[in-house]
C-alpha atoms as a PDB file:
ATOM      1  CA  UNK A   1      59.937  76.729 105.567  1.00  0.00           C
ATOM      2  CA  UNK A   2      58.250  79.904 106.828  1.00  0.00           C
ATOM      3  CA  UNK A   3      58.548  83.314 105.283  1.00  0.00           C
ATOM      4  CA  UNK A   4      60.944  84.355 108.040  1.00  0.00           C
ATOM      5  CA  UNK A   5      63.206  81.398 107.345  1.00  0.00           C
ATOM      6  CA  UNK A   6      63.114  82.104 103.624  1.00  0.00           C
ATOM      7  CA  UNK A   7      64.222  85.689 104.244  1.00  0.00           C
ATOM      8  CA  UNK A   8      67.028  84.626 106.573  1.00  0.00           C
ATOM      9  CA  UNK A   9      68.400  82.325 103.898  1.00  0.00           C
ATOM     10  CA  UNK A  10      67.967  84.813 101.048  1.00  0.00           C
ATOM     11  CA  UNK A  11      69.546  87.953 102.488  1.00  0.00           C
ATOM     12  CA  UNK A  12      73.144  86.620 102.719  1.00  0.00           C
ATOM     13  CA  UNK A  13      72.902  85.354  99.134  1.00  0.00           C
ATOM     14  CA  UNK A  14      71.922  88.813  97.910  1.00  0.00           C
ATOM     15  CA  UNK A  15      74.644  90.454  99.974  1.00  0.00           C
ATOM     16  CA  UNK A  16      77.256  88.116  98.537  1.00  0.00           C
ATOM     17  CA  UNK A  17      76.102  89.115  95.058  1.00  0.00           C
ATOM     18  CA  UNK A  18      76.758  92.765  95.876  1.00  0.00           C
ATOM     19  CA  UNK A  19      73.147  93.896  96.277  1.00  0.00           C
ATOM     20  CA  UNK A  20      73.286  97.041  98.393  1.00  0.00           C
ATOM     21  CA  UNK A  21      69.971  96.886 100.252  1.00  0.00           C
ATOM     22  CA  UNK A  22      69.575  93.144 100.455  1.00  0.00           C
ATOM     23  CA  UNK A  23      67.032  93.013 103.330  1.00  0.00           C
ATOM     24  CA  UNK A  24      64.662  95.444 101.592  1.00  0.00           C
ATOM     25  CA  UNK A  25      64.958  93.697  98.238  1.00  0.00           C
ATOM     26  CA  UNK A  26      64.444  90.257  99.789  1.00  0.00           C
ATOM     27  CA  UNK A  27      61.232  91.451 101.426  1.00  0.00           C
ATOM     28  CA  UNK A  28      59.906  92.960  98.189  1.00  0.00           C
ATOM     29  CA  UNK A  29      60.673  89.798  96.254  1.00  0.00           C
ATOM     30  CA  UNK A  30      59.118  87.576  98.915  1.00  0.00           C
ATOM     31  CA  UNK A  31      55.937  89.653  98.984  1.00  0.00           C
ATOM     32  CA  UNK A  32      55.785  89.394  95.196  1.00  0.00           C
ATOM     33  CA  UNK A  33      56.284  85.627  95.343  1.00  0.00           C
ATOM     34  CA  UNK A  34      53.543  85.302  97.970  1.00  0.00           C
ATOM     35  CA  UNK A  35      51.241  87.611  95.957  1.00  0.00           C
ATOM     36  CA  UNK A  36      50.683  89.995  98.853  1.00  0.00           C
ATOM     37  CA  UNK A  37      51.314  93.711  99.293  1.00  0.00           C
ATOM     38  CA  UNK A  38      54.756  94.496 100.747  1.00  0.00           C
ATOM     39  CA  UNK A  39      53.208  96.324 103.702  1.00  0.00           C
ATOM     40  CA  UNK A  40      51.316  93.120 104.585  1.00  0.00           C
ATOM     41  CA  UNK A  41      54.351  90.855 104.540  1.00  0.00           C
ATOM     42  CA  UNK A  42      55.100  91.088 108.271  1.00  0.00           C
ATOM     43  CA  UNK A  43      51.674  89.648 109.024  1.00  0.00           C
ATOM     44  CA  UNK A  44      52.483  86.514 107.011  1.00  0.00           C
ATOM     45  CA  UNK A  45      56.143  85.851 107.803  1.00  0.00           C
ATOM     46  CA  UNK A  46      55.262  83.082 110.234  1.00  0.00           C
ATOM     47  CA  UNK A  47      53.105  81.306 107.643  1.00  0.00           C
ATOM     48  CA  UNK A  48      54.490  78.222 105.884  1.00  0.00           C
ATOM     49  CA  UNK A  49      55.702  79.132 102.397  1.00  0.00           C
ATOM     50  CA  UNK A  50      53.647  77.279  99.796  1.00  0.00           C
ATOM     51  CA  UNK A  51      55.714  75.298  97.255  1.00  0.00           C
ATOM     52  CA  UNK A  52      54.555  77.531  94.404  1.00  0.00           C
ATOM     53  CA  UNK A  53      55.519  80.666  96.318  1.00  0.00           C
ATOM     54  CA  UNK A  54      58.876  79.159  97.268  1.00  0.00           C
ATOM     55  CA  UNK A  55      59.591  78.425  93.613  1.00  0.00           C
ATOM     56  CA  UNK A  56      58.646  81.961  92.588  1.00  0.00           C
ATOM     57  CA  UNK A  57      60.836  83.388  95.340  1.00  0.00           C
ATOM     58  CA  UNK A  58      63.811  81.288  94.258  1.00  0.00           C
ATOM     59  CA  UNK A  59      63.392  82.373  90.634  1.00  0.00           C
ATOM     60  CA  UNK A  60      63.150  86.018  91.687  1.00  0.00           C
ATOM     61  CA  UNK A  61      66.249  85.689  93.864  1.00  0.00           C
ATOM     62  CA  UNK A  62      68.199  84.225  90.956  1.00  0.00           C
ATOM     63  CA  UNK A  63      67.255  87.211  88.825  1.00  0.00           C
ATOM     64  CA  UNK A  64      68.195  89.673  91.548  1.00  0.00           C
ATOM     65  CA  UNK A  65      71.526  87.912  92.090  1.00  0.00           C
ATOM     66  CA  UNK A  66      72.178  88.547  88.378  1.00  0.00           C
ATOM     67  CA  UNK A  67      71.606  92.216  89.345  1.00  0.00           C
ATOM     68  CA  UNK A  68      68.365  92.612  87.460  1.00  0.00           C
ATOM     69  CA  UNK A  69      66.504  95.521  89.125  1.00  0.00           C
ATOM     70  CA  UNK A  70      63.718  94.643  91.538  1.00  0.00           C
ATOM     71  CA  UNK A  71      61.255  96.782  89.577  1.00  0.00           C
ATOM     72  CA  UNK A  72      61.805  94.687  86.453  1.00  0.00           C
ATOM     73  CA  UNK A  73      61.446  91.430  88.391  1.00  0.00           C
ATOM     74  CA  UNK A  74      58.172  92.383  90.034  1.00  0.00           C
ATOM     75  CA  UNK A  75      57.083  94.470  87.041  1.00  0.00           C
ATOM     76  CA  UNK A  76      56.244  97.691  88.855  1.00  0.00           C
ATOM     77  CA  UNK A  77      57.642 100.730  90.635  1.00  0.00           C
ATOM     78  CA  UNK A  78      56.021 103.295  92.916  1.00  0.00           C
ATOM     79  CA  UNK A  79      56.388 106.878  91.726  1.00  0.00           C
ATOM     80  CA  UNK A  80      54.631 109.981  93.051  1.00  0.00           C
ATOM     81  CA  UNK A  81      52.345 107.731  95.093  1.00  0.00           C
ATOM     82  CA  UNK A  82      51.212 105.541  92.194  1.00  0.00           C
ATOM     83  CA  UNK A  83      52.286 102.189  90.804  1.00  0.00           C
ATOM     84  CA  UNK A  84      53.729 102.105  87.284  1.00  0.00           C
ATOM     85  CA  UNK A  85      54.433  99.070  85.154  1.00  0.00           C
ATOM     86  CA  UNK A  86      58.153  98.737  84.396  1.00  0.00           C
ATOM     87  CA  UNK A  87      59.904  96.527  81.851  1.00  0.00           C
ATOM     88  CA  UNK A  88      63.400  96.195  80.416  1.00  0.00           C
ATOM     89  CA  UNK A  89      62.226  98.532  77.630  1.00  0.00           C
ATOM     90  CA  UNK A  90      61.773 101.473  80.009  1.00  0.00           C
ATOM     91  CA  UNK A  91      63.858 103.514  82.370  1.00  0.00           C
ATOM     92  CA  UNK A  92      63.064 102.738  85.991  1.00  0.00           C
ATOM     93  CA  UNK A  93      61.265 105.808  87.452  1.00  0.00           C
ATOM     94  CA  UNK A  94      63.428 107.194  90.238  1.00  0.00           C
ATOM     95  CA  UNK A  95      62.560 109.235  93.331  1.00  0.00           C
ATOM     96  CA  UNK A  96      64.794 112.105  92.161  1.00  0.00           C
ATOM     97  CA  UNK A  97      62.514 112.641  89.176  1.00  0.00           C
ATOM     98  CA  UNK A  98      59.706 113.553  91.559  1.00  0.00           C
ATOM     99  CA  UNK A  99      61.552 116.883  91.921  1.00  0.00           C
ATOM    100  CA  UNK A 100      60.550 117.634  88.325  1.00  0.00           C
ATOM    101  CA  UNK A 101      56.932 116.660  88.925  1.00  0.00           C
ATOM    102  CA  UNK A 102      56.685 118.752  92.092  1.00  0.00           C
ATOM    103  CA  UNK A 103      58.134 121.816  90.379  1.00  0.00           C
ATOM    104  CA  UNK A 104      55.865 121.434  87.346  1.00  0.00           C
ATOM    105  CA  UNK A 105      52.788 121.282  89.564  1.00  0.00           C
ATOM    106  CA  UNK A 106      53.584 124.608  91.225  1.00  0.00           C
ATOM    107  CA  UNK A 107      51.704 126.371  88.403  1.00  0.00           C
ATOM    108  CA  UNK A 108      48.560 125.289  86.549  1.00  0.00           C
ATOM    109  CA  UNK A 109      48.733 124.099  82.952  1.00  0.00           C
ATOM    110  CA  UNK A 110      46.225 122.937  80.374  1.00  0.00           C
ATOM    111  CA  UNK A 111      48.396 121.141  77.833  1.00  0.00           C
ATOM    112  CA  UNK A 112      51.687 119.334  78.525  1.00  0.00           C
ATOM    113  CA  UNK A 113      54.279 117.671  76.284  1.00  0.00           C
ATOM    114  CA  UNK A 114      56.531 114.939  77.709  1.00  0.00           C
ATOM    115  CA  UNK A 115      59.643 114.231  75.619  1.00  0.00           C
ATOM    116  CA  UNK A 116      61.098 110.732  76.000  1.00  0.00           C
ATOM    117  CA  UNK A 117      58.295 109.444  78.181  1.00  0.00           C
ATOM    118  CA  UNK A 118      59.431 105.873  78.958  1.00  0.00           C
ATOM    119  CA  UNK A 119      56.869 104.462  81.400  1.00  0.00           C
ATOM    120  CA  UNK A 120      54.843 107.662  81.156  1.00  0.00           C
ATOM    121  CA  UNK A 121      55.461 108.307  84.848  1.00  0.00           C
ATOM    122  CA  UNK A 122      56.077 112.051  84.515  1.00  0.00           C
ATOM    123  CA  UNK A 123      53.177 112.840  82.179  1.00  0.00           C
ATOM    124  CA  UNK A 124      50.688 110.602  83.970  1.00  0.00           C
ATOM    125  CA  UNK A 125      51.642 111.913  87.415  1.00  0.00           C
ATOM    126  CA  UNK A 126      51.088 115.454  86.166  1.00  0.00           C
ATOM    127  CA  UNK A 127      47.732 114.657  84.562  1.00  0.00           C
ATOM    128  CA  UNK A 128      46.535 112.757  87.628  1.00  0.00           C
ATOM    129  CA  UNK A 129      47.189 115.825  89.804  1.00  0.00           C
ATOM    130  CA  UNK A 130      45.886 118.340  87.238  1.00  0.00           C
ATOM    131  CA  UNK A 131      42.444 116.922  86.351  1.00  0.00           C
ATOM    132  CA  UNK A 132      41.604 119.473  83.639  1.00  0.00           C
ATOM    133  CA  UNK A 133      44.865 119.021  81.717  1.00  0.00           C
ATOM    134  CA  UNK A 134      45.630 116.903  78.665  1.00  0.00           C
ATOM    135  CA  UNK A 135      48.999 115.757  77.418  1.00  0.00           C
ATOM    136  CA  UNK A 136      51.091 114.308  74.620  1.00  0.00           C
ATOM    137  CA  UNK A 137      54.029 111.999  75.293  1.00  0.00           C
ATOM    138  CA  UNK A 138      56.620 110.942  72.725  1.00  0.00           C
ATOM    139  CA  UNK A 139      59.375 108.353  72.670  1.00  0.00           C
ATOM    140  CA  UNK A 140      61.669 106.706  70.137  1.00  0.00           C
ATOM    141  CA  UNK A 141      60.861 103.238  71.500  1.00  0.00           C
ATOM    142  CA  UNK A 142      57.609 101.577  70.378  1.00  0.00           C
ATOM    143  CA  UNK A 143      57.951  99.103  73.252  1.00  0.00           C
ATOM    144  CA  UNK A 144      58.249 101.911  75.804  1.00  0.00           C
ATOM    145  CA  UNK A 145      55.207 103.642  74.343  1.00  0.00           C
ATOM    146  CA  UNK A 146      53.198 100.451  74.753  1.00  0.00           C
ATOM    147  CA  UNK A 147      54.137 100.331  78.445  1.00  0.00           C
ATOM    148  CA  UNK A 148      53.178 103.993  78.844  1.00  0.00           C
ATOM    149  CA  UNK A 149      49.798 103.380  77.201  1.00  0.00           C
ATOM    150  CA  UNK A 150      49.159 100.484  79.570  1.00  0.00           C
ATOM    151  CA  UNK A 151      50.029 102.665  82.552  1.00  0.00           C
ATOM    152  CA  UNK A 152      47.659 105.354  81.292  1.00  0.00           C
ATOM    153  CA  UNK A 153      44.865 102.802  81.050  1.00  0.00           C
ATOM    154  CA  UNK A 154      45.549 101.376  84.496  1.00  0.00           C
ATOM    155  CA  UNK A 155      45.470 104.848  86.041  1.00  0.00           C
ATOM    156  CA  UNK A 156      42.283 105.838  84.207  1.00  0.00           C
ATOM    157  CA  UNK A 157      44.051 108.541  82.197  1.00  0.00           C
ATOM    158  CA  UNK A 158      43.882 107.112  78.677  1.00  0.00           C
ATOM    159  CA  UNK A 159      41.296 109.682  77.576  1.00  0.00           C
ATOM    160  CA  UNK A 160      43.598 112.603  78.489  1.00  0.00           C
ATOM    161  CA  UNK A 161      46.972 111.232  77.379  1.00  0.00           C
ATOM    162  CA  UNK A 162      48.172 110.709  73.802  1.00  0.00           C
ATOM    163  CA  UNK A 163      51.315 108.728  72.966  1.00  0.00           C
ATOM    164  CA  UNK A 164      53.282 109.092  69.756  1.00  0.00           C
ATOM    165  CA  UNK A 165      56.489 107.747  68.221  1.00  0.00           C
ATOM    166  CA  UNK A 166      58.783 110.733  67.698  1.00  0.00           C
ATOM    167  CA  UNK A 167      62.380 111.933  67.947  1.00  0.00           C
ATOM    168  CA  UNK A 168      61.977 114.950  70.237  1.00  0.00           C
ATOM    169  CA  UNK A 169      59.895 117.503  68.292  1.00  0.00           C
ATOM    170  CA  UNK A 170      59.731 115.641  64.979  1.00  0.00           C
ATOM    171  CA  UNK A 171      56.157 115.784  63.720  1.00  0.00           C
ATOM    172  CA  UNK A 172      54.920 117.655  66.801  1.00  0.00           C
ATOM    173  CA  UNK A 173      52.514 120.478  66.029  1.00  0.00           C
ATOM    174  CA  UNK A 174      50.929 123.111  68.210  1.00  0.00           C
ATOM    175  CA  UNK A 175      52.013 124.792  71.400  1.00  0.00           C
ATOM    176  CA  UNK A 176      51.995 123.704  75.030  1.00  0.00           C
ATOM    177  CA  UNK A 177      51.807 125.410  78.413  1.00  0.00           C
ATOM    178  CA  UNK A 178      54.399 123.008  79.771  1.00  0.00           C
ATOM    179  CA  UNK A 179      57.144 120.871  78.211  1.00  0.00           C
ATOM    180  CA  UNK A 180      58.908 118.343  80.446  1.00  0.00           C
ATOM    181  CA  UNK A 181      61.615 115.772  79.877  1.00  0.00           C
ATOM    182  CA  UNK A 182      63.922 113.369  81.651  1.00  0.00           C
ATOM    183  CA  UNK A 183      66.177 112.738  78.647  1.00  0.00           C
ATOM    184  CA  UNK A 184      69.235 110.494  78.363  1.00  0.00           C
ATOM    185  CA  UNK A 185      72.065 112.505  79.926  1.00  0.00           C
ATOM    186  CA  UNK A 186      74.873 110.147  80.956  1.00  0.00           C
ATOM    187  CA  UNK A 187      78.141 110.845  79.130  1.00  0.00           C
ATOM    188  CA  UNK A 188      79.635 107.950  77.185  1.00  0.00           C
ATOM    189  CA  UNK A 189      82.706 107.926  79.434  1.00  0.00           C
ATOM    190  CA  UNK A 190      80.518 107.529  82.534  1.00  0.00           C
ATOM    191  CA  UNK A 191      78.630 104.425  81.389  1.00  0.00           C
ATOM    192  CA  UNK A 192      81.203 101.964  82.722  1.00  0.00           C
ATOM    193  CA  UNK A 193      80.861 103.486  86.200  1.00  0.00           C
ATOM    194  CA  UNK A 194      77.132 102.781  86.486  1.00  0.00           C
ATOM    195  CA  UNK A 195      75.803 100.023  88.713  1.00  0.00           C
ATOM    196  CA  UNK A 196      75.096  96.708  86.964  1.00  0.00           C
ATOM    197  CA  UNK A 197      71.371  97.239  87.582  1.00  0.00           C
ATOM    198  CA  UNK A 198      71.464 100.326  85.370  1.00  0.00           C
ATOM    199  CA  UNK A 199      74.286  99.590  82.929  1.00  0.00           C
ATOM    200  CA  UNK A 200      73.308  96.010  82.097  1.00  0.00           C
ATOM    201  CA  UNK A 201      69.515  96.056  82.413  1.00  0.00           C
ATOM    202  CA  UNK A 202      68.081  99.452  81.523  1.00  0.00           C
ATOM    203  CA  UNK A 203      67.715 100.517  77.876  1.00  0.00           C
ATOM    204  CA  UNK A 204      70.872 102.265  76.660  1.00  0.00           C
ATOM    205  CA  UNK A 205      68.729 104.571  74.511  1.00  0.00           C
ATOM    206  CA  UNK A 206      67.190 106.013  77.692  1.00  0.00           C
ATOM    207  CA  UNK A 207      70.521 106.395  79.495  1.00  0.00           C
ATOM    208  CA  UNK A 208      73.006 108.060  77.182  1.00  0.00           C
ATOM    209  CA  UNK A 209      73.080 110.034  73.937  1.00  0.00           C
ATOM    210  CA  UNK A 210      76.822 109.347  73.755  1.00  0.00           C
ATOM    211  CA  UNK A 211      79.519 111.991  73.744  1.00  0.00           C
ATOM    212  CA  UNK A 212      79.307 114.526  76.558  1.00  0.00           C
ATOM    213  CA  UNK A 213      75.751 113.557  77.504  1.00  0.00           C
ATOM    214  CA  UNK A 214      74.309 116.969  76.560  1.00  0.00           C
ATOM    215  CA  UNK A 215      72.975 116.363  73.037  1.00  0.00           C
ATOM    216  CA  UNK A 216      69.381 115.882  74.186  1.00  0.00           C
ATOM    217  CA  UNK A 217      69.444 119.225  76.002  1.00  0.00           C
ATOM    218  CA  UNK A 218      70.791 120.959  72.908  1.00  0.00           C
ATOM    219  CA  UNK A 219      67.912 119.581  70.827  1.00  0.00           C
ATOM    220  CA  UNK A 220      65.223 120.228  73.436  1.00  0.00           C
ATOM    221  CA  UNK A 221      66.269 123.782  74.252  1.00  0.00           C
ATOM    222  CA  UNK A 222      66.567 124.690  70.566  1.00  0.00           C
ATOM    223  CA  UNK A 223      63.171 123.249  69.647  1.00  0.00           C
ATOM    224  CA  UNK A 224      61.100 124.193  72.680  1.00  0.00           C
ATOM    225  CA  UNK A 225      60.432 127.904  71.966  1.00  0.00           C
ATOM    226  CA  UNK A 226      58.527 127.044  68.787  1.00  0.00           C
ATOM    227  CA  UNK A 227      56.258 124.735  70.810  1.00  0.00           C
ATOM    228  CA  UNK A 228      55.629 126.822  73.935  1.00  0.00           C
ATOM    229  CA  UNK A 229      52.755 129.191  74.539  1.00  0.00           C
ATOM    230  CA  UNK A 230      53.787 132.676  75.692  1.00  0.00           C
ATOM    231  CA  UNK A 231      54.678 132.261  79.350  1.00  0.00           C
ATOM    232  CA  UNK A 232      54.925 128.501  78.897  1.00  0.00           C
ATOM    233  CA  UNK A 233      57.528 126.561  80.849  1.00  0.00           C
ATOM    234  CA  UNK A 234      60.286 124.125  79.849  1.00  0.00           C
ATOM    235  CA  UNK A 235      61.566 121.829  82.623  1.00  0.00           C
ATOM    236  CA  UNK A 236      64.162 119.070  82.278  1.00  0.00           C
ATOM    237  CA  UNK A 237      65.865 116.694  84.659  1.00  0.00           C
ATOM    238  CA  UNK A 238      69.658 116.882  84.671  1.00  0.00           C
ATOM    239  CA  UNK A 239      72.659 115.090  86.070  1.00  0.00           C
ATOM    240  CA  UNK A 240      74.176 116.801  89.135  1.00  0.00           C
ATOM    241  CA  UNK A 241      77.077 118.390  87.188  1.00  0.00           C
ATOM    242  CA  UNK A 242      75.078 119.610  84.181  1.00  0.00           C
ATOM    243  CA  UNK A 243      73.058 122.503  85.591  1.00  0.00           C
ATOM    244  CA  UNK A 244      75.114 125.439  84.347  1.00  0.00           C
ATOM    245  CA  UNK A 245      75.598 123.996  80.855  1.00  0.00           C
ATOM    246  CA  UNK A 246      71.897 123.271  80.406  1.00  0.00           C
ATOM    247  CA  UNK A 247      70.893 126.641  81.854  1.00  0.00           C
ATOM    248  CA  UNK A 248      73.162 128.252  79.262  1.00  0.00           C
ATOM    249  CA  UNK A 249      71.409 126.304  76.476  1.00  0.00           C
ATOM    250  CA  UNK A 250      68.071 127.625  77.758  1.00  0.00           C
ATOM    251  CA  UNK A 251      69.275 131.236  77.789  1.00  0.00           C
ATOM    252  CA  UNK A 252      70.764 130.957  74.304  1.00  0.00           C
ATOM    253  CA  UNK A 253      67.388 129.664  73.079  1.00  0.00           C
ATOM    254  CA  UNK A 254      65.775 132.844  74.380  1.00  0.00           C
ATOM    255  CA  UNK A 255      64.129 131.458  77.494  1.00  0.00           C
ATOM    256  CA  UNK A 256      63.748 133.695  80.525  1.00  0.00           C
ATOM    257  CA  UNK A 257      63.582 133.130  84.283  1.00  0.00           C
ATOM    258  CA  UNK A 258      66.047 130.250  83.974  1.00  0.00           C
ATOM    259  CA  UNK A 259      66.559 128.420  87.274  1.00  0.00           C
ATOM    260  CA  UNK A 260      68.459 125.391  88.536  1.00  0.00           C
ATOM    261  CA  UNK A 261      66.336 123.523  91.093  1.00  0.00           C
ATOM    262  CA  UNK A 262      67.703 121.186  93.778  1.00  0.00           C
ATOM    263  CA  UNK A 263      66.418 117.767  94.772  1.00  0.00           C
ATOM    264  CA  UNK A 264      65.799 116.677  98.367  1.00  0.00           C
ATOM    265  CA  UNK A 265      69.487 115.792  98.758  1.00  0.00           C
ATOM    266  CA  UNK A 266      70.489 119.326  97.776  1.00  0.00           C
ATOM    267  CA  UNK A 267      71.868 118.350  94.370  1.00  0.00           C
ATOM    268  CA  UNK A 268      71.053 120.194  91.117  1.00  0.00           C
ATOM    269  CA  UNK A 269      68.261 118.144  89.535  1.00  0.00           C
ATOM    270  CA  UNK A 270      66.041 120.307  87.286  1.00  0.00           C
ATOM    271  CA  UNK A 271      66.585 123.230  84.948  1.00  0.00           C
ATOM    272  CA  UNK A 272      63.495 125.361  84.325  1.00  0.00           C
ATOM    273  CA  UNK A 273      62.863 128.256  81.998  1.00  0.00           C
ATOM    274  CA  UNK A 274      59.976 130.218  80.540  1.00  0.00           C
ATOM    275  CA  UNK A 275      59.096 131.642  77.137  1.00  0.00           C
ATOM    276  CA  UNK A 276      58.715 135.386  77.655  1.00  0.00           C
END
């Protein structure tokens, strides 16, 4: 069986399982099974599929049919032009979150705090593009912090990034030019509506705080002023219906220049504010 034949057989199986972009996922899984870069796959589709590669592809297909996310199967996800290790202990970095990174990079900063870091994708993307900056990332999950540390090492940023077990600002000292977060924000009532890839495979701790989904924003907005330098910025990712509520939390905390920023699809995605 060639790579082309393997793809032709795999795509209908994924479609039957309800996978939305079956052709793309089949190609990513086949490239992973063949141990080649996805952008090189076309060059090798006519090659016979080695037995070992065929076995890896079949195992990967079985996992994808169970709706496990592709990033967890292949163990990585591209974000802001870099590859990050992903596991079932971390939230899968999403393209929408790049809106937060882009907005944060519009002004220079020397010291950044990332609350609820997961894979470390936000902090490490910021440090990679701001070579003089250093940062601290916190998370409640020891397993997630281990993944973030590994990503920092892989990207050559371990000397500028510190990782610490913490519940938001607990035990955090000092002030920062920039505080960023993509916290859990899905309301408890919305969990059942999520895709199986998210609901069944991503860590619940990173998805929802329960209740109305706003508890993390209440804690972050209340605690941020004591940890921001004068003029320092707070920026958080939000769900598309949460902008006004989170902006109100920021204003009540005394932050100025509060803005709701849109993602590339025109949806509210980031709330930003500044300590006057």
